[in-house]
Amino acid sequence: MTTRLNDDALSRLLDLQDIQRALALYVVAIDTRELSLFDQCFTPDAQIILGGVGEMTPTSYKELAAKGLGALNATQHHLSLPLIDLDGDRAHARCYFMAQHVRNDLTPKPFLMIGGWYTDDLLRTEDGWRITRRIGTALWYDGNPEVLGMGNFPMGATPRAEGHLPPDWLMR
């Protein structure tokens, strides 16, 4: 009986580690511009919804990211430890982010920092855990909106809305 409990605990820890890897690999893909790494983060039919950008597939997101990142000299995304809810072959996660974007041609104001969180649904696949749905919620902006071509976009906190609530899976 002790072996069974240990096997279950070990399996759970391995699942949590694989989910954390998928989440962290996403920011490595963005910051290194090695967008092929998205294939290790998302299922091919994943739904990606980013505030201010809209809904995309992994393929359309790769195209958008390749174009948008090309205008930037650097990005650096920091993630918090994720809160993960395992449910068999499915999981949910939330992690906070701060994302710095830099365009040197806009000096003396080359920076735009965005803070928020990612809320993810994941699925265990033959190749490991993959994100099936990602919602990126930006909570605040600081810096020069022109870094991302956002014109006179207002800096500061975004208005509180439904996306600011805790996910349903956390409240059950």
C-alpha atoms as a PDB file:
ATOM      1  CA  MET A   1       0.000   0.000   0.000  1.00  0.00           C
ATOM      2  CA  THR A   2       2.828   2.419   0.757  1.00  0.00           C
ATOM      3  CA  THR A   3       4.300   1.791  -2.691  1.00  0.00           C
ATOM      4  CA  ARG A   4       0.979   2.728  -4.336  1.00  0.00           C
ATOM      5  CA  LEU A   5       0.850   6.016  -2.426  1.00  0.00           C
ATOM      6  CA  ASN A   6       4.457   6.755  -3.345  1.00  0.00           C
ATOM      7  CA  ASP A   7       3.799   5.920  -7.015  1.00  0.00           C
ATOM      8  CA  ASP A   8       0.762   8.220  -7.047  1.00  0.00           C
ATOM      9  CA  ALA A   9       2.711  11.017  -5.356  1.00  0.00           C
ATOM     10  CA  LEU A  10       5.621  10.619  -7.762  1.00  0.00           C
ATOM     11  CA  SER A  11       3.281  10.618 -10.771  1.00  0.00           C
ATOM     12  CA  ARG A  12       1.620  13.804  -9.505  1.00  0.00           C
ATOM     13  CA  LEU A  13       4.969  15.530  -8.989  1.00  0.00           C
ATOM     14  CA  LEU A  14       6.085  14.552 -12.499  1.00  0.00           C
ATOM     15  CA  ASP A  15       2.823  15.916 -13.937  1.00  0.00           C
ATOM     16  CA  LEU A  16       3.274  19.197 -12.067  1.00  0.00           C
ATOM     17  CA  GLN A  17       6.858  19.473 -13.313  1.00  0.00           C
ATOM     18  CA  ASP A  18       5.838  18.817 -16.927  1.00  0.00           C
ATOM     19  CA  ILE A  19       3.077  21.450 -16.703  1.00  0.00           C
ATOM     20  CA  GLN A  20       5.542  23.973 -15.273  1.00  0.00           C
ATOM     21  CA  ARG A  21       7.895  23.184 -18.159  1.00  0.00           C
ATOM     22  CA  ALA A  22       5.184  23.903 -20.770  1.00  0.00           C
ATOM     23  CA  LEU A  23       4.379  27.225 -19.086  1.00  0.00           C
ATOM     24  CA  ALA A  24       8.026  28.286 -18.763  1.00  0.00           C
ATOM     25  CA  LEU A  25       8.948  27.156 -22.263  1.00  0.00           C
ATOM     26  CA  TYR A  26       6.430  29.645 -23.645  1.00  0.00           C
ATOM     27  CA  VAL A  27       8.388  32.644 -22.343  1.00  0.00           C
ATOM     28  CA  VAL A  28      11.681  31.122 -23.484  1.00  0.00           C
ATOM     29  CA  ALA A  29      10.157  30.814 -26.992  1.00  0.00           C
ATOM     30  CA  ILE A  30       9.054  34.467 -26.949  1.00  0.00           C
ATOM     31  CA  ASP A  31      12.246  35.935 -25.487  1.00  0.00           C
ATOM     32  CA  THR A  32      14.626  33.912 -27.684  1.00  0.00           C
ATOM     33  CA  ARG A  33      12.381  34.220 -30.762  1.00  0.00           C
ATOM     34  CA  GLU A  34      12.581  30.445 -31.188  1.00  0.00           C
ATOM     35  CA  LEU A  35       8.884  30.175 -31.919  1.00  0.00           C
ATOM     36  CA  SER A  36       9.117  26.513 -32.932  1.00  0.00           C
ATOM     37  CA  LEU A  37       9.177  25.863 -29.167  1.00  0.00           C
ATOM     38  CA  PHE A  38       5.450  26.730 -29.155  1.00  0.00           C
ATOM     39  CA  ASP A  39       4.933  23.174 -30.453  1.00  0.00           C
ATOM     40  CA  GLN A  40       6.071  21.950 -27.026  1.00  0.00           C
ATOM     41  CA  CYS A  41       3.717  24.359 -25.235  1.00  0.00           C
ATOM     42  CA  PHE A  42       0.427  24.203 -27.145  1.00  0.00           C
ATOM     43  CA  THR A  43      -1.756  21.560 -28.745  1.00  0.00           C
ATOM     44  CA  PRO A  44      -2.112  22.234 -32.505  1.00  0.00           C
ATOM     45  CA  ASP A  45      -5.744  23.311 -32.031  1.00  0.00           C
ATOM     46  CA  ALA A  46      -5.150  25.439 -28.915  1.00  0.00           C
ATOM     47  CA  GLN A  47      -7.091  28.640 -28.390  1.00  0.00           C
ATOM     48  CA  ILE A  48      -4.896  31.622 -27.459  1.00  0.00           C
ATOM     49  CA  ILE A  49      -6.682  34.761 -26.294  1.00  0.00           C
ATOM     50  CA  LEU A  50      -4.499  37.735 -25.414  1.00  0.00           C
ATOM     51  CA  GLY A  51      -5.995  40.987 -24.175  1.00  0.00           C
ATOM     52  CA  GLY A  52      -5.776  43.699 -26.802  1.00  0.00           C
ATOM     53  CA  VAL A  53      -4.788  41.182 -29.489  1.00  0.00           C
ATOM     54  CA  GLY A  54      -7.736  38.801 -29.747  1.00  0.00           C
ATOM     55  CA  GLU A  55      -8.145  35.075 -30.350  1.00  0.00           C
ATOM     56  CA  MET A  56      -5.533  33.068 -32.251  1.00  0.00           C
ATOM     57  CA  THR A  57      -4.358  29.553 -33.007  1.00  0.00           C
ATOM     58  CA  PRO A  58      -0.750  28.515 -32.373  1.00  0.00           C
ATOM     59  CA  THR A  59      -0.049  28.951 -36.096  1.00  0.00           C
ATOM     60  CA  SER A  60      -1.542  32.446 -36.335  1.00  0.00           C
ATOM     61  CA  TYR A  61       0.142  33.408 -33.052  1.00  0.00           C
ATOM     62  CA  LYS A  62       3.539  32.291 -34.365  1.00  0.00           C
ATOM     63  CA  GLU A  63       3.029  34.504 -37.428  1.00  0.00           C
ATOM     64  CA  LEU A  64       1.971  37.492 -35.331  1.00  0.00           C
ATOM     65  CA  ALA A  65       4.816  36.988 -32.835  1.00  0.00           C
ATOM     66  CA  ALA A  66       7.434  36.656 -35.591  1.00  0.00           C
ATOM     67  CA  LYS A  67       6.299  39.944 -37.099  1.00  0.00           C
ATOM     68  CA  GLY A  68       5.853  41.827 -33.816  1.00  0.00           C
ATOM     69  CA  LEU A  69       9.025  40.595 -32.143  1.00  0.00           C
ATOM     70  CA  GLY A  70      11.048  41.615 -35.193  1.00  0.00           C
ATOM     71  CA  ALA A  71      10.418  45.283 -34.343  1.00  0.00           C
ATOM     72  CA  LEU A  72      11.749  44.857 -30.787  1.00  0.00           C
ATOM     73  CA  ASN A  73      15.362  44.842 -29.644  1.00  0.00           C
ATOM     74  CA  ALA A  74      14.558  42.769 -26.573  1.00  0.00           C
ATOM     75  CA  THR A  75      11.816  41.238 -24.476  1.00  0.00           C
ATOM     76  CA  GLN A  76      12.005  39.649 -21.072  1.00  0.00           C
ATOM     77  CA  HIS A  77       9.063  37.808 -19.541  1.00  0.00           C
ATOM     78  CA  HIS A  78       9.064  36.856 -15.858  1.00  0.00           C
ATOM     79  CA  LEU A  79       6.579  34.279 -14.535  1.00  0.00           C
ATOM     80  CA  SER A  80       5.478  33.603 -10.997  1.00  0.00           C
ATOM     81  CA  LEU A  81       5.171  30.114  -9.648  1.00  0.00           C
ATOM     82  CA  PRO A  82       2.033  28.679 -11.221  1.00  0.00           C
ATOM     83  CA  LEU A  83      -0.986  27.598  -9.234  1.00  0.00           C
ATOM     84  CA  ILE A  84      -1.936  24.238 -10.790  1.00  0.00           C
ATOM     85  CA  ASP A  85      -5.093  22.150 -10.424  1.00  0.00           C
ATOM     86  CA  LEU A  86      -4.680  18.562 -11.677  1.00  0.00           C
ATOM     87  CA  ASP A  87      -7.797  16.662 -12.736  1.00  0.00           C
ATOM     88  CA  GLY A  88      -6.794  13.350 -14.336  1.00  0.00           C
ATOM     89  CA  ASP A  89      -5.563  14.015 -17.882  1.00  0.00           C
ATOM     90  CA  ARG A  90      -6.626  17.654 -17.692  1.00  0.00           C
ATOM     91  CA  ALA A  91      -5.259  20.536 -15.654  1.00  0.00           C
ATOM     92  CA  HIS A  92      -5.726  24.243 -15.058  1.00  0.00           C
ATOM     93  CA  ALA A  93      -3.062  26.781 -14.160  1.00  0.00           C
ATOM     94  CA  ARG A  94      -2.648  30.442 -13.381  1.00  0.00           C
ATOM     95  CA  CYS A  95       0.638  32.298 -13.241  1.00  0.00           C
ATOM     96  CA  TYR A  96       1.417  35.971 -13.059  1.00  0.00           C
ATOM     97  CA  PHE A  97       3.715  37.695 -15.534  1.00  0.00           C
ATOM     98  CA  MET A  98       5.685  40.882 -16.018  1.00  0.00           C
ATOM     99  CA  ALA A  99       6.810  41.442 -19.586  1.00  0.00           C
ATOM    100  CA  GLN A 100       9.389  44.057 -20.562  1.00  0.00           C
ATOM    101  CA  HIS A 101       9.497  45.172 -24.213  1.00  0.00           C
ATOM    102  CA  VAL A 102      12.333  47.307 -25.606  1.00  0.00           C
ATOM    103  CA  ARG A 103      12.803  49.322 -28.811  1.00  0.00           C
ATOM    104  CA  ASN A 104      16.125  51.170 -28.810  1.00  0.00           C
ATOM    105  CA  ASP A 105      15.048  53.477 -31.650  1.00  0.00           C
ATOM    106  CA  LEU A 106      12.592  55.082 -29.196  1.00  0.00           C
ATOM    107  CA  THR A 107      15.323  56.189 -26.758  1.00  0.00           C
ATOM    108  CA  PRO A 108      15.039  58.013 -24.352  1.00  0.00           C
ATOM    109  CA  LYS A 109      11.751  56.143 -23.811  1.00  0.00           C
ATOM    110  CA  PRO A 110      12.500  52.645 -25.152  1.00  0.00           C
ATOM    111  CA  PHE A 111      10.592  50.571 -22.570  1.00  0.00           C
ATOM    112  CA  LEU A 112       7.065  49.225 -22.128  1.00  0.00           C
ATOM    113  CA  MET A 113       6.315  46.952 -19.164  1.00  0.00           C
ATOM    114  CA  ILE A 114       3.090  44.953 -18.956  1.00  0.00           C
ATOM    115  CA  GLY A 115       1.892  43.055 -15.881  1.00  0.00           C
ATOM    116  CA  GLY A 116      -0.866  40.503 -15.664  1.00  0.00           C
ATOM    117  CA  TRP A 117      -1.554  36.777 -15.610  1.00  0.00           C
ATOM    118  CA  TYR A 118      -2.054  33.755 -17.829  1.00  0.00           C
ATOM    119  CA  THR A 119      -4.963  31.410 -17.133  1.00  0.00           C
ATOM    120  CA  ASP A 120      -4.456  28.073 -18.879  1.00  0.00           C
ATOM    121  CA  ASP A 121      -6.261  24.815 -19.550  1.00  0.00           C
ATOM    122  CA  LEU A 122      -3.944  21.899 -20.262  1.00  0.00           C
ATOM    123  CA  LEU A 123      -4.190  18.351 -21.555  1.00  0.00           C
ATOM    124  CA  ARG A 124      -1.909  15.352 -21.062  1.00  0.00           C
ATOM    125  CA  THR A 125      -0.809  14.227 -24.552  1.00  0.00           C
ATOM    126  CA  GLU A 126       1.517  11.471 -25.776  1.00  0.00           C
ATOM    127  CA  ASP A 127       4.239  14.136 -25.887  1.00  0.00           C
ATOM    128  CA  GLY A 128       3.565  15.545 -22.422  1.00  0.00           C
ATOM    129  CA  TRP A 129       1.323  18.260 -21.042  1.00  0.00           C
ATOM    130  CA  ARG A 130       0.238  20.940 -23.525  1.00  0.00           C
ATOM    131  CA  ILE A 131      -1.825  24.124 -23.232  1.00  0.00           C
ATOM    132  CA  THR A 132      -5.220  23.814 -24.951  1.00  0.00           C
ATOM    133  CA  ARG A 133      -6.443  27.281 -24.007  1.00  0.00           C
ATOM    134  CA  ARG A 134      -4.525  30.339 -22.817  1.00  0.00           C
ATOM    135  CA  ILE A 135      -6.091  33.591 -21.725  1.00  0.00           C
ATOM    136  CA  GLY A 136      -3.632  36.422 -21.169  1.00  0.00           C
ATOM    137  CA  THR A 137      -5.033  39.192 -18.992  1.00  0.00           C
ATOM    138  CA  ALA A 138      -3.052  42.435 -18.866  1.00  0.00           C
ATOM    139  CA  LEU A 139      -3.646  44.233 -15.567  1.00  0.00           C
ATOM    140  CA  TRP A 140      -1.382  47.251 -16.016  1.00  0.00           C
ATOM    141  CA  TYR A 141       0.957  49.028 -18.423  1.00  0.00           C
ATOM    142  CA  ASP A 142       3.926  51.284 -17.687  1.00  0.00           C
ATOM    143  CA  GLY A 143       6.170  53.098 -20.118  1.00  0.00           C
ATOM    144  CA  ASN A 144       5.955  54.071 -23.758  1.00  0.00           C
ATOM    145  CA  PRO A 145       2.980  52.531 -25.616  1.00  0.00           C
ATOM    146  CA  GLU A 146       4.715  53.210 -28.946  1.00  0.00           C
ATOM    147  CA  VAL A 147       7.109  50.341 -28.150  1.00  0.00           C
ATOM    148  CA  LEU A 148       4.287  48.030 -29.260  1.00  0.00           C
ATOM    149  CA  GLY A 149       2.745  50.517 -31.690  1.00  0.00           C
ATOM    150  CA  MET A 150      -0.144  51.203 -29.317  1.00  0.00           C
ATOM    151  CA  GLY A 151      -0.381  54.953 -30.027  1.00  0.00           C
ATOM    152  CA  ASN A 152      -1.833  56.933 -27.142  1.00  0.00           C
ATOM    153  CA  PHE A 153      -2.925  53.846 -25.209  1.00  0.00           C
ATOM    154  CA  PRO A 154      -3.414  54.903 -21.563  1.00  0.00           C
ATOM    155  CA  MET A 155      -0.829  53.657 -19.101  1.00  0.00           C
ATOM    156  CA  GLY A 156      -1.777  52.446 -15.638  1.00  0.00           C
ATOM    157  CA  ALA A 157      -4.270  49.811 -14.545  1.00  0.00           C
ATOM    158  CA  THR A 158      -6.866  48.331 -16.862  1.00  0.00           C
ATOM    159  CA  PRO A 159     -10.512  48.628 -15.769  1.00  0.00           C
ATOM    160  CA  ARG A 160     -11.592  45.763 -13.527  1.00  0.00           C
ATOM    161  CA  ALA A 161     -13.727  43.257 -15.426  1.00  0.00           C
ATOM    162  CA  GLU A 162     -14.739  39.586 -15.491  1.00  0.00           C
ATOM    163  CA  GLY A 163     -11.164  38.527 -16.342  1.00  0.00           C
ATOM    164  CA  HIS A 164      -9.998  39.952 -13.022  1.00  0.00           C
ATOM    165  CA  LEU A 165     -11.867  37.302 -11.011  1.00  0.00           C
ATOM    166  CA  PRO A 166     -10.300  34.075  -9.747  1.00  0.00           C
ATOM    167  CA  PRO A 167     -10.807  31.145 -12.130  1.00  0.00           C
ATOM    168  CA  ASP A 168     -13.838  28.896 -11.495  1.00  0.00           C
ATOM    169  CA  TRP A 169     -11.644  25.851 -10.835  1.00  0.00           C
ATOM    170  CA  LEU A 170     -10.010  27.658  -7.927  1.00  0.00           C
ATOM    171  CA  MET A 171     -13.340  28.444  -6.299  1.00  0.00           C
ATOM    172  CA  ARG A 172     -14.843  24.941  -6.211  1.00  0.00           C
END
